[in-house]
Amino acid sequence: MTFQEIKDQDQSYILHTYGRVDASLVKGRNARAWDTEGKEYIDFTSGIGVNALGYSDPAWASAVAAQAAEIQHLCNYYYSPQNTSLAEELCKASGMAKAFFCNSGAEANECAVKIARKYGEKRGAYQIVTLNNSFHGRTLTTLAATGQAAFHQDFLPLTEGFVYAEGNDLSSVEALLDSTVCAVLIETVQGEGGVIPMEEAFVQGLRKLCTEQDVLLMIDEVQTGVGRTGSFYSYQGYGVEPDVATTAKGLAGGLPIGACLVNEKLKDILQPGMQGSTFGGNPVVCAGAREVVRRVKDPAFLREVQEKGAYLKESLEALPQVEYVRGKGLMLGVKLKTGDAHDVLVRCAEEGLLVLTAKELVRFLPPLTITKEEIDKGLAVFEKVLGEL
């Protein structure tokens, strides 16, 4: 099919929920992709942080194909060795006790909300504190958890039971912790909110405060997790242990997965019948995720992520059109001195570089396996586009 045929088909048969860029990608390898016309792109998006090992990593593809040839799906009435092995490997890498598998970050956060409500049931507490500028998903409940009114306005009324504090302001959270609150849910780096990192003192103070108040600390690692910030999970870089962590995006390297991880205190809080997911723990997806976890948890791999993130950040900061760069690891946002971030996204795609936006920032989430050569090639395109603003 030609690009125009694909675009026409999209317009005819797919709900218009996405602002598409004029590119149809059909092939990729690591941080490079090719469209229907054979044009090459450097990808600084990794599918919004999903392709942790880049496009079509050979070992990952082999693991997925081998499992698909054995058994592709089974009912959760039965045990699956790919599922149980992933749970053990993920718990050991994260420091958590047990996992519930589902299909997305929003579904993982829904599970976290249910766990928090169940935990608070003993004292009639049901409210959850989240942060202004946060993003936790697009279901009605995770939209309610999202601290951005712009996401709420078209879908009211939302699920009740969420109140919003200011990030990096411990007193703002503390003021909301009355007897109705059962949990606090945060992102350590607010991705969709503009790539805003939480300060170490805030996250550590929040852990202490939640412990003192018998309130669960839940950390949304959907975008920050699985090596993205230079730690396997970002909370490990802050020196804290949450009660609940949610994860998705990069976990299965390009296949749909989500997981809600709980600590020892909560390992038996859910009983049979309280939660479920038809496709959760699918063996093909778990095979892909096991390859990702095996690779990413390696300290040498994580050091490389930190080094590449520092190199990319320093290179971006050196550009005269850049006002500032913020973020952690390979999760960076760039504020430009002039120009519109979305216009830059479109122009970059035209020149062969795929980038993202987050509010007024240009956002970068390249594959964790991106090479220095690929970084440099992408930076050259970005610099060219900025020079034409």
Protein backbone atom coordinates (compact mmCIF):
# COMPACT_ATOMS: atom_id res chain seq x y z
CA MET A 1 0.00 0.00 0.00
CA THR A 2 1.13 3.57 -0.64
CA PHE A 3 1.31 6.08 2.20
CA GLN A 4 -1.72 7.93 0.85
CA GLU A 5 -3.77 4.71 0.74
CA ILE A 6 -2.85 3.99 4.37
CA LYS A 7 -3.72 7.54 5.40
CA ASP A 8 -7.08 7.39 3.59
CA GLN A 9 -7.85 4.05 5.23
CA ASP A 10 -7.04 5.52 8.64
CA GLN A 11 -9.33 8.48 8.06
CA SER A 12 -12.15 6.21 6.89
CA TYR A 13 -12.08 3.47 9.51
CA ILE A 14 -10.27 4.62 12.68
CA LEU A 15 -11.72 6.97 15.27
CA HIS A 16 -9.98 10.31 15.01
CA THR A 17 -8.37 10.24 18.48
CA TYR A 18 -4.77 10.88 17.41
CA GLY A 19 -3.05 13.80 15.74
CA ARG A 20 -1.00 11.80 13.25
CA VAL A 21 2.33 12.80 11.71
CA ASP A 22 2.73 12.08 7.99
CA ALA A 23 4.81 8.91 8.33
CA SER A 24 3.85 5.23 8.16
CA LEU A 25 6.55 3.09 9.76
CA VAL A 26 6.85 -0.47 8.50
CA LYS A 27 10.31 -1.63 9.57
CA GLY A 28 12.78 -0.87 12.34
CA ARG A 29 16.02 -1.91 14.00
CA ASN A 30 17.15 -0.46 17.30
CA ALA A 31 16.70 3.35 17.07
CA ARG A 32 16.20 3.45 13.29
CA ALA A 33 12.91 3.03 11.43
CA TRP A 34 11.82 3.08 7.79
CA ASP A 35 8.50 4.13 6.30
CA THR A 36 6.51 2.82 3.33
CA GLU A 37 8.60 4.95 0.96
CA GLY A 38 11.90 3.65 2.34
CA LYS A 39 12.75 6.87 4.18
CA GLU A 40 14.93 6.37 7.27
CA TYR A 41 14.23 7.97 10.66
CA ILE A 42 16.16 8.16 13.91
CA ASP A 43 13.65 7.42 16.66
CA PHE A 44 13.89 9.40 19.90
CA THR A 45 10.42 8.19 20.99
CA SER A 46 10.61 4.37 21.31
CA GLY A 47 6.82 4.31 20.92
CA ILE A 48 6.45 6.68 23.92
CA GLY A 49 8.91 4.71 26.02
CA VAL A 50 7.70 1.25 25.02
CA ASN A 51 10.46 -0.18 22.81
CA ALA A 52 13.02 -0.44 25.61
CA LEU A 53 15.34 -2.60 23.49
CA GLY A 54 14.61 -0.67 20.30
CA TYR A 55 12.85 -1.97 17.23
CA SER A 56 12.92 -5.73 16.56
CA ASP A 57 15.78 -6.66 18.87
CA PRO A 58 16.91 -10.11 17.63
CA ALA A 59 17.01 -11.85 21.04
CA TRP A 60 13.67 -10.34 22.04
CA ALA A 61 12.06 -11.32 18.72
CA SER A 62 13.38 -14.87 19.06
CA ALA A 63 11.98 -15.23 22.58
CA VAL A 64 8.55 -13.98 21.46
CA ALA A 65 8.47 -16.14 18.32
CA ALA A 66 9.57 -19.26 20.18
CA GLN A 67 6.80 -18.87 22.75
CA ALA A 68 4.18 -18.10 20.08
CA ALA A 69 5.07 -21.40 18.42
CA GLU A 70 4.54 -23.29 21.71
CA ILE A 71 1.33 -21.84 23.21
CA GLN A 72 0.08 -18.32 22.65
CA HIS A 73 -2.59 -17.91 25.34
CA LEU A 74 -4.24 -19.76 28.17
CA CYS A 75 -6.92 -19.04 30.72
CA ASN A 76 -5.78 -17.72 34.09
CA TYR A 77 -7.34 -20.79 35.70
CA TYR A 78 -4.09 -22.52 34.79
CA TYR A 79 -0.42 -21.99 35.61
CA SER A 80 1.97 -20.60 33.01
CA PRO A 81 5.75 -20.95 33.53
CA GLN A 82 6.43 -17.78 31.52
CA ASN A 83 4.02 -15.91 33.79
CA THR A 84 5.35 -17.28 37.07
CA SER A 85 8.98 -16.86 36.03
CA LEU A 86 8.42 -13.24 35.00
CA ALA A 87 6.74 -12.54 38.34
CA GLU A 88 9.74 -13.90 40.25
CA GLU A 89 12.29 -12.07 38.09
CA LEU A 90 10.36 -8.80 38.27
CA CYS A 91 9.87 -8.97 42.03
CA LYS A 92 13.56 -9.66 42.59
CA ALA A 93 14.59 -6.79 40.31
CA SER A 94 12.12 -4.36 41.90
CA GLY A 95 12.40 -5.40 45.55
CA MET A 96 8.64 -6.01 45.71
CA ALA A 97 6.84 -9.14 46.92
CA LYS A 98 4.09 -10.04 44.41
CA ALA A 99 2.75 -8.97 41.03
CA PHE A 100 -0.61 -8.75 39.27
CA PHE A 101 -0.35 -8.76 35.47
CA CYS A 102 -2.65 -6.87 33.13
CA ASN A 103 -2.41 -5.09 29.77
CA SER A 104 -1.57 -1.41 30.27
CA GLY A 105 -0.46 1.29 32.65
CA ALA A 106 -4.03 2.52 33.14
CA GLU A 107 -5.14 -1.00 34.10
CA ALA A 108 -2.20 -1.35 36.49
CA ASN A 109 -3.16 1.95 38.12
CA GLU A 110 -6.78 0.81 38.39
CA CYS A 111 -5.52 -2.21 40.30
CA ALA A 112 -3.47 0.06 42.58
CA VAL A 113 -6.58 2.13 43.32
CA LYS A 114 -8.51 -1.01 44.24
CA ILE A 115 -5.69 -2.16 46.53
CA ALA A 116 -5.63 1.24 48.22
CA ARG A 117 -9.40 1.22 48.73
CA LYS A 118 -9.22 -2.31 50.13
CA TYR A 119 -6.41 -1.29 52.50
CA GLY A 120 -8.37 1.73 53.72
CA GLU A 121 -11.58 -0.26 54.20
CA LYS A 122 -10.63 -1.20 57.77
CA ARG A 123 -10.95 2.46 58.86
CA GLY A 124 -13.37 3.81 56.27
CA ALA A 125 -10.67 5.61 54.29
CA TYR A 126 -11.12 5.76 50.51
CA GLN A 127 -9.56 8.96 49.16
CA ILE A 128 -6.26 9.02 47.29
CA VAL A 129 -3.95 12.02 47.07
CA THR A 130 -2.31 12.56 43.69
CA LEU A 131 -0.31 15.51 42.37
CA ASN A 132 -1.28 18.43 40.20
CA ASN A 133 0.22 18.01 36.74
CA SER A 134 0.22 14.22 37.04
CA PHE A 135 -0.98 11.71 34.44
CA HIS A 136 -2.17 8.22 35.39
CA GLY A 137 -4.23 6.97 32.44
CA ARG A 138 -7.34 7.46 30.31
CA THR A 139 -9.99 5.30 31.98
CA LEU A 140 -12.55 7.27 33.97
CA THR A 141 -10.87 6.35 37.26
CA THR A 142 -7.30 7.02 36.15
CA LEU A 143 -8.45 10.28 34.53
CA ALA A 144 -9.84 11.22 37.94
CA ALA A 145 -6.45 10.37 39.44
CA THR A 146 -4.77 12.62 36.85
CA GLY A 147 -4.17 16.08 38.28
CA GLN A 148 -4.89 18.00 35.06
CA ALA A 149 -8.32 19.56 34.53
CA ALA A 150 -7.82 19.61 30.75
CA PHE A 151 -8.12 15.81 30.71
CA HIS A 152 -11.31 15.86 32.84
CA GLN A 153 -13.57 18.37 31.14
CA ASP A 154 -15.10 16.25 28.36
CA PHE A 155 -15.89 13.19 30.49
CA LEU A 156 -17.54 14.40 33.69
CA PRO A 157 -18.58 13.08 36.12
CA LEU A 158 -15.44 11.12 36.91
CA THR A 159 -14.83 8.57 39.66
CA GLU A 160 -14.85 10.32 43.03
CA GLY A 161 -12.25 9.95 45.75
CA PHE A 162 -9.21 11.87 44.48
CA VAL A 163 -7.68 15.07 45.85
CA TYR A 164 -4.66 16.91 44.46
CA ALA A 165 -1.52 18.26 46.08
CA GLU A 166 1.46 20.18 44.70
CA GLY A 167 4.52 18.23 43.64
CA ASN A 168 7.74 18.91 45.54
CA ASP A 169 5.70 20.46 48.38
CA LEU A 170 5.45 18.04 51.30
CA SER A 171 3.28 20.39 53.33
CA SER A 172 0.72 20.43 50.49
CA VAL A 173 0.40 16.65 50.72
CA GLU A 174 0.39 16.62 54.52
CA ALA A 175 -2.47 19.12 54.63
CA LEU A 176 -4.69 16.64 52.76
CA LEU A 177 -3.91 13.56 54.88
CA ASP A 178 -7.06 13.40 56.96
CA SER A 179 -8.85 10.25 58.14
CA THR A 180 -10.46 9.71 54.73
CA VAL A 181 -7.16 9.20 52.88
CA CYS A 182 -5.85 5.68 52.24
CA ALA A 183 -2.99 6.33 49.79
CA VAL A 184 -0.76 8.80 47.96
CA LEU A 185 -0.02 8.13 44.27
CA ILE A 186 2.84 9.94 42.50
CA GLU A 187 5.13 9.81 39.49
CA THR A 188 8.76 10.49 40.41
CA VAL A 189 9.09 12.24 37.04
CA GLN A 190 5.87 13.67 35.64
CA GLY A 191 6.08 12.65 31.98
CA GLU A 192 2.95 13.94 30.25
CA GLY A 193 2.94 16.86 32.67
CA GLY A 194 6.16 18.26 31.22
CA VAL A 195 9.00 15.92 32.30
CA ILE A 196 9.14 17.36 35.83
CA PRO A 197 11.32 15.41 38.31
CA MET A 198 10.35 15.18 41.94
CA GLU A 199 13.09 16.22 44.38
CA GLU A 200 14.80 13.54 46.45
CA ALA A 201 13.87 15.27 49.72
CA PHE A 202 10.20 15.34 48.67
CA VAL A 203 10.03 11.64 47.74
CA GLN A 204 11.92 10.54 50.85
CA GLY A 205 9.82 12.84 53.04
CA LEU A 206 6.68 11.42 51.47
CA ARG A 207 7.79 7.88 52.31
CA LYS A 208 8.31 8.88 55.95
CA LEU A 209 5.02 10.76 56.12
CA CYS A 210 3.00 7.91 54.62
CA THR A 211 4.54 5.43 57.05
CA GLU A 212 3.71 7.65 60.02
CA GLN A 213 0.11 8.18 58.86
CA ASP A 214 -0.51 4.52 57.87
CA VAL A 215 -1.17 5.65 54.30
CA LEU A 216 0.07 3.67 51.29
CA LEU A 217 2.78 5.22 49.12
CA MET A 218 2.07 4.19 45.53
CA ILE A 219 4.48 5.09 42.72
CA ASP A 220 3.39 5.13 39.09
CA GLU A 221 6.40 3.78 37.16
CA VAL A 222 4.52 3.35 33.88
CA GLN A 223 6.84 5.74 32.02
CA THR A 224 9.78 6.02 34.44
CA GLY A 225 10.23 2.29 35.01
CA VAL A 226 12.30 -0.51 33.49
CA GLY A 227 15.56 1.41 33.21
CA ARG A 228 14.18 4.63 31.73
CA THR A 229 15.67 6.94 34.38
CA GLY A 230 18.88 4.94 34.90
CA SER A 231 17.60 2.72 37.74
CA PHE A 232 15.54 -0.40 37.13
CA TYR A 233 12.68 1.47 38.79
CA SER A 234 13.06 5.17 39.44
CA TYR A 235 12.20 4.86 43.16
CA GLN A 236 15.37 2.82 43.58
CA GLY A 237 17.33 5.91 42.54
CA TYR A 238 15.55 7.89 45.25
CA GLY A 239 16.39 5.35 47.95
CA VAL A 240 12.77 4.59 48.87
CA GLU A 241 10.54 1.53 48.77
CA PRO A 242 6.86 2.08 47.87
CA ASP A 243 4.01 -0.05 49.10
CA VAL A 244 2.66 -0.33 45.54
CA ALA A 245 4.36 0.28 42.19
CA THR A 246 2.74 0.19 38.77
CA THR A 247 4.60 -0.58 35.59
CA ALA A 248 3.88 -0.99 31.86
CA LYS A 249 5.24 0.66 28.67
CA GLY A 250 8.83 -0.64 28.33
CA LEU A 251 8.30 -3.82 30.36
CA ALA A 252 7.58 -6.15 27.43
CA GLY A 253 9.63 -4.30 24.84
CA GLY A 254 6.72 -3.51 22.52
CA LEU A 255 3.95 -5.90 23.53
CA PRO A 256 1.00 -4.84 25.72
CA ILE A 257 1.57 -5.48 29.41
CA GLY A 258 0.97 -3.83 32.75
CA ALA A 259 1.77 -4.95 36.27
CA CYS A 260 0.84 -3.84 39.76
CA LEU A 261 3.57 -4.73 42.25
CA VAL A 262 3.01 -4.84 46.01
CA ASN A 263 5.31 -5.10 49.01
CA GLU A 264 5.33 -7.76 51.71
CA LYS A 265 2.68 -5.96 53.76
CA LEU A 266 0.16 -6.18 50.91
CA LYS A 267 1.01 -9.53 49.39
CA ASP A 268 -2.27 -11.16 50.49
CA ILE A 269 -4.62 -8.16 50.25
CA LEU A 270 -6.39 -9.43 47.11
CA GLN A 271 -8.13 -12.78 47.10
CA PRO A 272 -9.53 -14.87 44.20
CA GLY A 273 -12.34 -13.05 42.43
CA MET A 274 -11.31 -9.54 43.52
CA GLN A 275 -9.28 -8.75 40.39
CA GLY A 276 -8.69 -10.29 36.98
CA SER A 277 -7.59 -9.71 33.40
CA THR A 278 -8.29 -12.01 30.46
CA PHE A 279 -5.01 -11.26 28.69
CA GLY A 280 -2.97 -10.45 31.81
CA GLY A 281 0.13 -12.65 32.03
CA ASN A 282 -0.16 -13.80 28.42
CA PRO A 283 2.78 -16.21 27.84
CA VAL A 284 3.96 -14.60 24.59
CA VAL A 285 4.02 -11.16 26.19
CA CYS A 286 5.72 -12.57 29.30
CA ALA A 287 8.42 -14.17 27.16
CA GLY A 288 9.20 -10.76 25.67
CA ALA A 289 9.13 -9.15 29.11
CA ARG A 290 11.53 -11.72 30.56
CA GLU A 291 14.09 -10.83 27.88
CA VAL A 292 13.68 -7.14 28.71
CA VAL A 293 14.00 -7.68 32.47
CA ARG A 294 17.03 -9.96 32.05
CA ARG A 295 18.85 -7.33 30.00
CA VAL A 296 17.80 -4.12 31.73
CA LYS A 297 18.40 -5.19 35.34
CA ASP A 298 22.12 -5.65 34.60
CA PRO A 299 24.02 -2.87 36.46
CA ALA A 300 26.29 -2.38 33.44
CA PHE A 301 23.23 -1.80 31.21
CA LEU A 302 21.82 0.74 33.67
CA ARG A 303 25.15 2.57 33.86
CA GLU A 304 25.08 2.89 30.08
CA VAL A 305 21.59 4.40 30.26
CA GLN A 306 22.86 6.95 32.78
CA GLU A 307 25.88 7.77 30.61
CA LYS A 308 23.83 8.10 27.42
CA GLY A 309 21.27 10.23 29.22
CA ALA A 310 23.99 12.56 30.52
CA TYR A 311 25.53 12.81 27.05
CA LEU A 312 22.19 13.59 25.40
CA LYS A 313 21.33 16.17 28.08
CA GLU A 314 24.69 17.94 27.82
CA SER A 315 24.48 17.97 24.01
CA LEU A 316 20.99 19.46 24.08
CA GLU A 317 21.97 22.08 26.66
CA ALA A 318 24.79 23.22 24.37
CA LEU A 319 22.34 24.22 21.61
CA PRO A 320 21.81 28.00 21.55
CA GLN A 321 18.05 27.68 20.94
CA VAL A 322 17.52 25.62 24.13
CA GLU A 323 16.39 27.39 27.30
CA TYR A 324 16.72 24.35 29.59
CA VAL A 325 16.64 20.54 29.70
CA ARG A 326 15.10 18.56 32.55
CA GLY A 327 14.46 14.92 33.37
CA LYS A 328 16.41 11.80 34.35
CA GLY A 329 18.30 9.21 32.34
CA LEU A 330 16.80 8.81 28.88
CA MET A 331 13.62 10.67 29.84
CA LEU A 332 14.28 14.29 28.91
CA GLY A 333 12.25 17.40 28.10
CA VAL A 334 13.59 20.44 26.24
CA LYS A 335 12.19 23.95 26.64
CA LEU A 336 12.97 26.06 23.60
CA LYS A 337 13.68 29.78 23.73
CA THR A 338 11.45 30.35 20.71
CA GLY A 339 9.17 28.22 18.55
CA ASP A 340 6.30 25.82 19.15
CA ALA A 341 7.13 22.29 20.34
CA HIS A 342 4.52 20.63 18.11
CA ASP A 343 5.77 22.50 15.04
CA VAL A 344 9.27 21.25 15.87
CA LEU A 345 7.91 17.68 16.15
CA VAL A 346 6.41 17.93 12.64
CA ARG A 347 9.52 19.49 11.13
CA CYS A 348 11.78 16.88 12.76
CA ALA A 349 9.71 14.07 11.25
CA GLU A 350 10.02 15.69 7.83
CA GLU A 351 13.81 15.73 8.29
CA GLY A 352 14.03 12.13 9.58
CA LEU A 353 13.87 12.44 13.39
CA LEU A 354 10.98 11.22 15.54
CA VAL A 355 10.39 13.18 18.77
CA LEU A 356 7.54 13.75 21.24
CA THR A 357 6.07 16.70 23.09
CA ALA A 358 4.94 17.23 26.68
CA LYS A 359 3.00 20.46 27.03
CA GLU A 360 5.36 23.20 25.77
CA LEU A 361 8.44 20.94 25.81
CA VAL A 362 9.98 18.72 23.16
CA ARG A 363 10.29 15.30 24.79
CA PHE A 364 12.86 12.56 24.21
CA LEU A 365 12.36 8.89 25.16
CA PRO A 366 14.80 7.02 22.91
CA PRO A 367 15.35 3.26 23.15
CA LEU A 368 17.57 2.34 26.09
CA THR A 369 19.80 0.56 23.56
CA ILE A 370 20.34 3.61 21.35
CA THR A 371 23.95 3.99 20.23
CA LYS A 372 26.07 7.13 20.43
CA GLU A 373 26.12 7.19 16.64
CA GLU A 374 22.31 7.19 16.56
CA ILE A 375 22.17 9.90 19.24
CA ASP A 376 24.57 12.08 17.25
CA LYS A 377 22.66 11.57 14.02
CA GLY A 378 19.39 12.51 15.68
CA LEU A 379 20.94 15.53 17.37
CA ALA A 380 22.23 16.76 14.01
CA VAL A 381 18.67 16.73 12.64
CA PHE A 382 17.31 18.46 15.76
CA GLU A 383 19.96 21.15 15.55
CA LYS A 384 19.17 21.70 11.85
CA VAL A 385 15.46 22.10 12.57
CA LEU A 386 16.06 24.51 15.45
CA GLY A 387 18.37 26.53 13.26
CA GLU A 388 15.51 27.06 10.82
CA LEU A 389 13.04 28.38 13.43
